[in-house]
Amino acid sequence: LIGIVLSSSQLAASSHPSFQFLTRPWLLPTPLDMALMSLTGLIAAIGFYSLSEAYRVAPATIVAPFEYIMLPLSVLWGFLFWRELPDWLTFVGAALVIGSGLKLLPRRPQRRRWLLRRM
């Protein structure tokens, strides 16, 4: 928005694609759109509630590795919905996350026994 206000040569208001988006009239979402947004919110709320319950009943060292599934899923959804492929920095970050998870694996048997005793 600042670029549009300042109107530099690269961000002239008439040529920048954001200007058309910012100045178009607002439309009320259709009932289908409202239902889909509500369903998305409900699913997200259930997911976050489940995650917080998992952290409540088990140690974080047991629950956290299950969150690693978000990494490959985000790559999958990015490709399926937007045809975007990860760049090399994504792979570096993924290697760091996966590597730290693998480093913690030798400690897991002790924690598994704790979980079994609790159940």
Protein backbone atom coordinates (compact mmCIF):
# COMPACT_ATOMS: atom_id res chain seq x y z
CA LEU A 1 0.00 0.00 0.00
CA ILE A 2 2.89 2.36 0.73
CA GLY A 3 4.24 1.69 -2.76
CA ILE A 4 0.92 2.68 -4.26
CA VAL A 5 0.78 5.86 -2.19
CA LEU A 6 4.35 6.84 -3.01
CA SER A 7 3.90 5.83 -6.67
CA SER A 8 7.45 4.97 -7.55
CA SER A 9 8.12 4.14 -11.18
CA GLN A 10 7.93 0.39 -10.49
CA LEU A 11 4.85 0.59 -8.29
CA ALA A 12 2.69 2.99 -10.23
CA ALA A 13 -0.89 2.64 -9.03
CA SER A 14 -2.28 1.98 -12.48
CA SER A 15 0.11 -0.86 -13.30
CA HIS A 16 0.56 -2.70 -10.02
CA PRO A 17 -1.67 -5.81 -9.72
CA SER A 18 -2.35 -5.13 -6.03
CA PHE A 19 -4.10 -1.89 -6.87
CA GLN A 20 -6.94 -3.66 -8.66
CA PHE A 21 -7.30 -6.07 -5.74
CA LEU A 22 -7.36 -3.25 -3.18
CA THR A 23 -9.89 -1.09 -5.02
CA ARG A 24 -12.41 -3.70 -6.11
CA PRO A 25 -15.78 -3.73 -4.35
CA TRP A 26 -16.21 -6.07 -1.40
CA LEU A 27 -18.53 -9.01 -1.98
CA LEU A 28 -20.47 -10.83 0.69
CA PRO A 29 -19.41 -14.50 0.84
CA THR A 30 -21.96 -16.92 -0.54
CA PRO A 31 -23.59 -19.45 1.81
CA LEU A 32 -21.32 -22.14 0.35
CA ASP A 33 -18.26 -19.99 1.07
CA MET A 34 -19.46 -19.37 4.62
CA ALA A 35 -20.06 -23.09 5.14
CA LEU A 36 -16.59 -23.97 3.84
CA MET A 37 -14.93 -21.31 6.01
CA SER A 38 -16.89 -22.51 9.04
CA LEU A 39 -15.93 -26.12 8.34
CA THR A 40 -12.28 -25.11 7.99
CA GLY A 41 -12.44 -23.28 11.32
CA LEU A 42 -14.12 -26.22 13.03
CA ILE A 43 -11.55 -28.71 11.73
CA ALA A 44 -8.69 -26.41 12.79
CA ALA A 45 -10.22 -25.95 16.26
CA ILE A 46 -10.60 -29.72 16.71
CA GLY A 47 -7.01 -30.25 15.57
CA PHE A 48 -5.57 -27.65 17.94
CA TYR A 49 -7.68 -28.93 20.82
CA SER A 50 -6.46 -32.47 20.15
CA LEU A 51 -2.87 -31.28 20.00
CA SER A 52 -3.17 -29.41 23.29
CA GLU A 53 -4.75 -32.47 24.92
CA ALA A 54 -1.89 -34.62 23.64
CA TYR A 55 0.61 -32.24 25.24
CA ARG A 56 -1.42 -32.31 28.45
CA VAL A 57 -1.44 -36.10 28.86
CA ALA A 58 2.05 -36.95 27.56
CA PRO A 59 5.50 -35.38 27.71
CA ALA A 60 6.41 -33.02 24.90
CA THR A 61 9.27 -35.30 23.87
CA ILE A 62 6.74 -37.97 22.94
CA VAL A 63 4.17 -35.72 21.25
CA ALA A 64 6.50 -33.38 19.34
CA PRO A 65 7.78 -35.96 16.84
CA PHE A 66 4.22 -36.46 15.63
CA GLU A 67 4.19 -32.81 14.62
CA TYR A 68 6.98 -33.58 12.14
CA ILE A 69 4.31 -34.91 9.78
CA MET A 70 3.49 -31.26 9.06
CA LEU A 71 6.74 -30.89 7.14
CA PRO A 72 6.05 -33.36 4.32
CA LEU A 73 2.35 -32.50 4.32
CA SER A 74 3.04 -28.81 3.78
CA VAL A 75 5.25 -29.67 0.81
CA LEU A 76 2.51 -31.95 -0.54
CA TRP A 77 -0.27 -29.36 -0.12
CA GLY A 78 1.92 -26.64 -1.61
CA PHE A 79 2.48 -28.75 -4.69
CA LEU A 80 -1.11 -29.99 -5.02
CA PHE A 81 -2.81 -26.63 -4.57
CA TRP A 82 -0.29 -24.12 -5.92
CA ARG A 83 2.13 -26.24 -7.99
CA GLU A 84 4.98 -24.86 -5.93
CA LEU A 85 8.12 -26.91 -5.46
CA PRO A 86 10.37 -26.42 -2.44
CA ASP A 87 13.65 -24.63 -2.98
CA TRP A 88 17.01 -25.64 -1.55
CA LEU A 89 16.48 -23.65 1.67
CA THR A 90 13.38 -25.72 2.36
CA PHE A 91 15.42 -28.89 2.06
CA VAL A 92 18.10 -27.46 4.37
CA GLY A 93 15.46 -26.62 6.98
CA ALA A 94 13.83 -30.03 6.59
CA ALA A 95 17.20 -31.72 7.04
CA LEU A 96 17.77 -29.76 10.26
CA VAL A 97 14.35 -30.70 11.64
CA ILE A 98 14.63 -34.36 10.64
CA GLY A 99 18.23 -34.54 11.85
CA SER A 100 17.33 -33.18 15.27
CA GLY A 101 14.48 -35.69 15.48
CA LEU A 102 16.81 -38.54 14.59
CA LYS A 103 19.30 -37.36 17.19
CA LEU A 104 16.61 -37.73 19.86
CA LEU A 105 15.66 -41.28 18.81
CA PRO A 106 18.14 -43.11 21.10
CA ARG A 107 16.45 -41.52 24.14
CA ARG A 108 12.93 -42.60 23.18
CA PRO A 109 12.81 -46.12 24.72
CA GLN A 110 12.95 -44.66 28.24
CA ARG A 111 10.07 -42.35 27.47
CA ARG A 112 8.03 -45.15 25.93
CA ARG A 113 8.24 -47.06 29.21
CA TRP A 114 6.98 -43.98 31.05
CA LEU A 115 4.02 -43.74 28.68
CA LEU A 116 3.17 -47.42 29.09
CA ARG A 117 3.27 -47.12 32.89
CA ARG A 118 0.93 -44.14 32.73
CA MET A 119 -1.67 -46.00 30.66
